[in-house]
Amino acid sequence: MLIDDFLNYLRYERNYSDYTVKAYSKDLNQFEEYVKSCQEGVFVPDIIDADIVRDWIVCLLDEKISPVSVNRKLSSLKSFFKFLMKQKIVSVNPLRLIVGPKTKKPLPYFVKEGDMEALLDGDGFDEDFEGVRDHLVIEMLYDTGLRRSELIGIKDADVDFDASLLKVTGKRNKQRLIPFAEGLKDLMLAYTEVRNREVGAQSEWFFVRKNGQQLSAGMVYNIVKKKLSDIPTLAKRSPHVLRHSFATSMLNNGAELNAVKELLGHSSLASTSVYTHTTFEELKKVYHAHPRAKKGGNYGN
């Protein structure tokens, strides 16, 4: 019951997305089951202490759950107990001194600019409705840095062709305006023409399937994975890789960090600054190609 109250608080007062609420629900229900297994089927937050939480962490790690996932679950649990403290349901937060397992944060995967140019300007897309749509999906993700959920959430009313602006609804229902260039505008107009002719214009959604229904997140993932498979050197293939590629390309070409932050819809510069490390890695590779760098040895290591 308390977990349900917390999830409703996230959904209706904090405006968290259904996807995020489901993630919190999964983490908290998992913790509840663990506590019940330790306390004869009883789950009473007021008697949960730090030792129970630490034992849960050890259990998760023993089950080969990654430190990244464990820390995410701890974050869910911390938010839950902050809610309980606010509601005066518990008097002590058992997580106040809990520290999660250390993680080594990997640099984001991204596609090199030359590989993206070859993919987007090549002849790998059909000229029918699905081919035109899939081409635009790849181009828009790379040109704007949209999240997958933001892409499928675009409605026709969100596109202002006259001003070349796209209204996007991001995390926690925060809206932002993203400008788009003439090349992307031409692709969008070509897509809407083919869509309206072959599918019809009954739907409010900008990206649709052949039956006119909204394009799903799973379909976007499959479109991107299939097309990025044409780049054999790429280790990871997903819509988020294109978002990383957008940010990296922007910074590599002189965009200011704060401007990229606003375009990505990040709440803080800390989330955006990871891409500066990515661009620095690229600079190191370029430097290694210099004959003096080869002679000098291990620069930057």
Protein backbone atom coordinates (compact mmCIF):
# COMPACT_ATOMS: atom_id res chain seq x y z
CA MET A 1 0.00 0.00 0.00
CA LEU A 2 2.80 2.42 0.93
CA ILE A 3 4.63 1.60 -2.28
CA ASP A 4 1.46 2.27 -4.28
CA ASP A 5 1.04 5.63 -2.52
CA PHE A 6 4.61 6.53 -3.41
CA LEU A 7 4.16 5.51 -7.05
CA ASN A 8 1.00 7.61 -7.29
CA TYR A 9 2.95 10.53 -5.83
CA LEU A 10 5.59 10.13 -8.55
CA ARG A 11 2.99 9.80 -11.30
CA TYR A 12 0.54 12.54 -10.36
CA GLU A 13 2.51 15.05 -8.30
CA ARG A 14 5.99 14.73 -9.78
CA ASN A 15 4.76 13.99 -13.34
CA TYR A 16 7.16 11.07 -13.81
CA SER A 17 6.69 9.05 -17.00
CA ASP A 18 5.02 5.64 -16.97
CA TYR A 19 8.37 4.08 -17.88
CA THR A 20 10.10 5.66 -14.86
CA VAL A 21 7.27 4.75 -12.48
CA LYS A 22 7.45 1.12 -13.66
CA ALA A 23 11.18 1.08 -12.97
CA TYR A 24 10.62 2.38 -9.42
CA SER A 25 7.84 -0.16 -8.93
CA LYS A 26 10.06 -3.05 -9.99
CA ASP A 27 12.91 -1.99 -7.67
CA LEU A 28 10.70 -1.40 -4.64
CA ASN A 29 8.69 -4.59 -5.07
CA GLN A 30 11.94 -6.50 -5.31
CA PHE A 31 13.12 -4.95 -2.03
CA GLU A 32 9.77 -5.71 -0.40
CA GLU A 33 10.05 -9.37 -1.37
CA TYR A 34 13.57 -9.51 0.05
CA VAL A 35 12.47 -7.98 3.37
CA LYS A 36 9.54 -10.38 3.62
CA SER A 37 11.87 -13.32 3.04
CA CYS A 38 14.00 -12.14 5.96
CA GLN A 39 11.19 -11.16 8.33
CA GLU A 40 8.62 -13.95 8.08
CA GLY A 41 6.49 -12.33 5.41
CA VAL A 42 6.32 -8.91 7.07
CA PHE A 43 7.15 -5.61 5.37
CA VAL A 44 7.07 -2.73 7.86
CA PRO A 45 9.28 0.19 6.72
CA ASP A 46 9.54 1.63 10.24
CA ILE A 47 11.57 -1.38 11.47
CA ILE A 48 13.87 -1.59 8.44
CA ASP A 49 17.42 -0.62 9.36
CA ALA A 50 20.69 -0.05 7.51
CA ASP A 51 21.82 -3.65 8.04
CA ILE A 52 18.84 -4.98 6.09
CA VAL A 53 19.62 -2.60 3.21
CA ARG A 54 23.31 -3.57 3.22
CA ASP A 55 22.41 -7.27 3.23
CA TRP A 56 20.14 -6.64 0.23
CA ILE A 57 23.00 -4.96 -1.63
CA VAL A 58 25.25 -7.96 -0.94
CA CYS A 59 22.49 -10.30 -2.12
CA LEU A 60 22.07 -8.37 -5.38
CA LEU A 61 25.80 -8.39 -6.05
CA ASP A 62 25.95 -12.14 -5.31
CA GLU A 63 23.25 -12.59 -7.95
CA LYS A 64 25.62 -10.88 -10.43
CA ILE A 65 23.50 -7.72 -10.62
CA SER A 66 25.82 -4.99 -11.94
CA PRO A 67 26.92 -2.17 -9.61
CA VAL A 68 25.18 0.30 -11.95
CA SER A 69 21.85 -1.53 -11.54
CA VAL A 70 22.35 -1.88 -7.78
CA ASN A 71 22.91 1.87 -7.45
CA ARG A 72 19.77 2.56 -9.48
CA LYS A 73 17.78 0.32 -7.12
CA LEU A 74 19.28 2.14 -4.14
CA SER A 75 18.27 5.45 -5.68
CA SER A 76 14.68 4.18 -5.93
CA LEU A 77 14.80 3.06 -2.30
CA LYS A 78 16.23 6.38 -1.12
CA SER A 79 13.43 8.29 -2.85
CA PHE A 80 10.87 5.96 -1.29
CA PHE A 81 12.17 6.53 2.25
CA LYS A 82 12.41 10.29 1.71
CA PHE A 83 8.72 10.14 0.82
CA LEU A 84 7.98 8.12 3.97
CA MET A 85 9.93 10.63 6.08
CA LYS A 86 7.96 13.49 4.53
CA GLN A 87 4.71 11.68 5.31
CA LYS A 88 5.98 11.02 8.89
CA ILE A 89 5.49 7.29 8.39
CA VAL A 90 9.08 6.60 9.46
CA SER A 91 11.17 8.61 11.90
CA VAL A 92 14.61 7.48 10.71
CA ASN A 93 15.86 7.03 7.16
CA PRO A 94 17.84 3.74 7.07
CA LEU A 95 19.60 4.81 3.88
CA ARG A 96 21.08 8.05 5.18
CA LEU A 97 24.53 6.46 5.65
CA ILE A 98 24.31 3.83 2.89
CA VAL A 99 26.89 4.06 0.11
CA GLY A 100 26.38 2.01 -3.04
CA PRO A 101 29.03 -0.09 -4.78
CA LYS A 102 31.62 1.80 -6.79
CA THR A 103 31.16 1.87 -10.54
CA LYS A 104 33.41 2.79 -13.40
CA LYS A 105 31.30 4.95 -15.63
CA PRO A 106 31.93 4.04 -19.27
CA LEU A 107 32.24 6.74 -21.90
CA PRO A 108 29.18 6.97 -24.18
CA TYR A 109 29.27 5.04 -27.44
CA PHE A 110 28.93 7.26 -30.50
CA VAL A 111 29.13 7.02 -34.28
CA LYS A 112 31.95 8.82 -36.05
CA GLU A 113 30.81 11.68 -38.26
CA GLY A 114 32.19 10.09 -41.42
CA ASP A 115 30.31 6.85 -40.77
CA MET A 116 27.06 8.74 -40.17
CA GLU A 117 27.50 10.75 -43.35
CA ALA A 118 28.04 7.56 -45.35
CA LEU A 119 24.99 5.93 -43.76
CA LEU A 120 22.60 8.85 -44.20
CA ASP A 121 23.75 9.87 -47.68
CA GLY A 122 24.01 6.32 -49.02
CA ASP A 123 21.40 4.23 -50.83
CA GLY A 124 20.52 1.96 -47.91
CA PHE A 125 16.94 3.23 -47.59
CA ASP A 126 14.00 2.20 -49.77
CA GLU A 127 11.85 4.86 -51.41
CA ASP A 128 8.51 3.54 -50.13
CA PHE A 129 6.71 4.84 -47.02
CA GLU A 130 8.67 2.73 -44.53
CA GLY A 131 11.98 3.51 -46.20
CA VAL A 132 11.33 7.27 -46.13
CA ARG A 133 10.12 7.06 -42.53
CA ASP A 134 13.09 4.99 -41.34
CA HIS A 135 15.51 7.38 -43.02
CA LEU A 136 13.88 10.30 -41.23
CA VAL A 137 13.93 8.46 -37.88
CA ILE A 138 17.71 7.98 -38.12
CA GLU A 139 18.31 11.51 -39.40
CA MET A 140 16.15 13.19 -36.76
CA LEU A 141 17.69 11.27 -33.86
CA TYR A 142 21.17 12.18 -35.07
CA ASP A 143 20.38 15.79 -36.03
CA THR A 144 18.46 16.72 -32.86
CA GLY A 145 19.65 14.39 -30.08
CA LEU A 146 16.08 13.39 -29.19
CA ARG A 147 15.38 10.54 -26.83
CA ARG A 148 13.44 7.62 -28.32
CA SER A 149 10.37 8.42 -26.18
CA GLU A 150 10.50 12.05 -27.32
CA LEU A 151 10.65 11.04 -30.98
CA ILE A 152 7.58 8.81 -30.88
CA GLY A 153 5.75 11.42 -28.80
CA ILE A 154 5.89 14.08 -31.53
CA LYS A 155 2.51 15.12 -32.91
CA ASP A 156 1.83 16.96 -36.15
CA ALA A 157 0.87 20.02 -34.10
CA ASP A 158 4.35 20.03 -32.54
CA VAL A 159 6.08 20.70 -35.87
CA ASP A 160 6.35 24.33 -37.01
CA PHE A 161 7.71 24.20 -40.54
CA ASP A 162 7.56 27.98 -40.98
CA ALA A 163 9.77 28.66 -37.97
CA SER A 164 11.73 25.37 -38.34
CA LEU A 165 11.03 24.52 -34.71
CA LEU A 166 10.08 21.26 -33.05
CA LYS A 167 8.23 21.18 -29.70
CA VAL A 168 9.40 18.20 -27.67
CA THR A 169 8.04 16.78 -24.42
CA GLY A 170 10.88 15.31 -22.38
CA LYS A 171 11.30 13.77 -18.94
CA ARG A 172 8.77 14.84 -16.29
CA ASN A 173 6.70 16.37 -19.10
CA LYS A 174 9.13 19.26 -19.53
CA GLN A 175 8.81 20.86 -22.94
CA ARG A 176 11.55 22.44 -25.02
CA LEU A 177 11.89 23.85 -28.52
CA ILE A 178 14.48 22.41 -30.88
CA PRO A 179 15.43 24.13 -34.15
CA PHE A 180 15.96 22.02 -37.26
CA ALA A 181 17.98 22.74 -40.37
CA GLU A 182 16.83 22.98 -43.97
CA GLY A 183 18.04 19.49 -44.86
CA LEU A 184 16.03 17.86 -42.07
CA LYS A 185 13.04 20.03 -42.95
CA ASP A 186 13.10 18.70 -46.53
CA LEU A 187 13.14 15.12 -45.26
CA MET A 188 10.25 15.84 -42.87
CA LEU A 189 8.16 17.38 -45.63
CA ALA A 190 8.92 14.48 -47.96
CA TYR A 191 7.91 12.02 -45.24
CA THR A 192 4.61 13.77 -44.43
CA GLU A 193 3.75 13.83 -48.14
CA VAL A 194 4.34 10.09 -48.51
CA ARG A 195 2.62 9.35 -45.18
CA ASN A 196 -0.51 11.34 -46.03
CA ARG A 197 -0.70 9.76 -49.47
CA GLU A 198 -0.08 6.12 -48.51
CA VAL A 199 -1.31 5.93 -44.90
CA GLY A 200 -3.67 8.89 -44.52
CA ALA A 201 -3.65 11.86 -42.17
CA GLN A 202 -6.19 10.63 -39.58
CA SER A 203 -3.64 10.18 -36.78
CA GLU A 204 -2.37 13.04 -34.61
CA TRP A 205 1.06 11.39 -34.34
CA PHE A 206 3.88 12.49 -36.60
CA PHE A 207 5.60 9.09 -36.84
CA VAL A 208 3.20 6.26 -37.63
CA ARG A 209 3.12 2.67 -38.87
CA LYS A 210 1.55 1.54 -42.12
CA ASN A 211 -1.78 1.08 -40.30
CA GLY A 212 -1.74 4.71 -39.15
CA GLN A 213 -1.07 3.94 -35.47
CA GLN A 214 1.67 5.61 -33.46
CA LEU A 215 5.16 4.25 -34.01
CA SER A 216 6.24 2.23 -30.98
CA ALA A 217 9.47 2.47 -28.99
CA GLY A 218 10.33 -1.10 -29.95
CA MET A 219 9.99 -0.36 -33.65
CA VAL A 220 12.28 2.67 -33.34
CA TYR A 221 14.87 0.52 -31.57
CA ASN A 222 14.71 -2.12 -34.32
CA ILE A 223 14.97 0.51 -37.08
CA VAL A 224 18.07 2.02 -35.52
CA LYS A 225 19.71 -1.31 -34.67
CA LYS A 226 19.20 -2.59 -38.22
CA LYS A 227 20.63 0.52 -39.88
CA LEU A 228 23.58 0.93 -37.49
CA SER A 229 24.47 -2.70 -38.19
CA ASP A 230 25.79 -1.38 -41.51
CA ILE A 231 28.68 0.10 -39.48
CA PRO A 232 30.71 -3.01 -38.53
CA THR A 233 33.11 -1.15 -36.20
CA LEU A 234 30.29 0.08 -33.94
CA ALA A 235 30.18 -1.84 -30.64
CA LYS A 236 26.69 -0.76 -29.59
CA ARG A 237 23.64 0.02 -31.74
CA SER A 238 20.64 1.80 -30.20
CA PRO A 239 18.70 5.09 -30.44
CA HIS A 240 20.69 6.42 -27.47
CA VAL A 241 23.92 5.96 -29.42
CA LEU A 242 22.58 8.49 -31.93
CA ARG A 243 21.81 10.89 -29.07
CA HIS A 244 25.40 10.47 -27.87
CA SER A 245 26.61 11.00 -31.43
CA PHE A 246 24.65 14.25 -31.72
CA ALA A 247 26.16 15.64 -28.52
CA THR A 248 29.69 14.55 -29.41
CA SER A 249 29.47 16.03 -32.91
CA MET A 250 28.10 19.32 -31.57
CA LEU A 251 30.95 19.70 -29.09
CA ASN A 252 33.58 18.58 -31.60
CA ASN A 253 32.37 21.32 -33.93
CA GLY A 254 32.53 24.14 -31.41
CA ALA A 255 29.11 24.22 -29.74
CA GLU A 256 29.04 25.53 -26.17
CA LEU A 257 28.40 22.99 -23.45
CA ASN A 258 25.41 24.89 -22.03
CA ALA A 259 23.77 25.09 -25.46
CA VAL A 260 24.13 21.33 -25.92
CA LYS A 261 22.66 20.85 -22.43
CA GLU A 262 19.55 22.81 -23.41
CA LEU A 263 19.14 20.95 -26.70
CA LEU A 264 19.42 17.57 -24.96
CA GLY A 265 16.98 18.58 -22.22
CA HIS A 266 19.42 17.79 -19.42
CA SER A 267 18.60 19.22 -15.99
CA SER A 268 22.25 19.83 -15.10
CA LEU A 269 25.60 20.34 -16.83
CA ALA A 270 26.95 17.26 -15.08
CA SER A 271 24.94 15.02 -17.40
CA THR A 272 26.21 16.85 -20.48
CA SER A 273 29.84 17.12 -19.41
CA VAL A 274 30.41 13.39 -19.98
CA TYR A 275 30.58 14.20 -23.69
CA THR A 276 33.55 16.47 -23.13
CA HIS A 277 35.46 13.39 -22.00
CA THR A 278 34.41 11.64 -25.19
CA THR A 279 35.67 14.49 -27.33
CA PHE A 280 38.92 14.56 -25.36
CA GLU A 281 39.43 10.88 -26.14
CA GLU A 282 39.04 11.72 -29.82
CA LEU A 283 41.59 14.51 -29.50
CA LYS A 284 44.05 12.08 -27.93
CA LYS A 285 43.62 9.69 -30.87
CA VAL A 286 44.29 12.51 -33.31
CA TYR A 287 47.36 13.55 -31.37
CA HIS A 288 48.71 9.99 -31.36
CA ALA A 289 48.76 10.14 -35.17
CA HIS A 290 51.29 12.97 -35.05
CA PRO A 291 54.89 11.79 -35.66
CA ARG A 292 56.18 13.67 -32.60
CA ALA A 293 53.55 11.98 -30.43
CA LYS A 294 54.64 8.56 -31.71
CA LYS A 295 58.21 9.40 -30.89
CA GLY A 296 57.34 10.78 -27.46
CA GLY A 297 55.43 7.74 -26.26
CA ASN A 298 52.43 7.52 -23.97
CA TYR A 299 50.73 10.90 -24.13
CA GLY A 300 47.63 11.17 -21.98
CA ASN A 301 47.88 7.65 -20.50
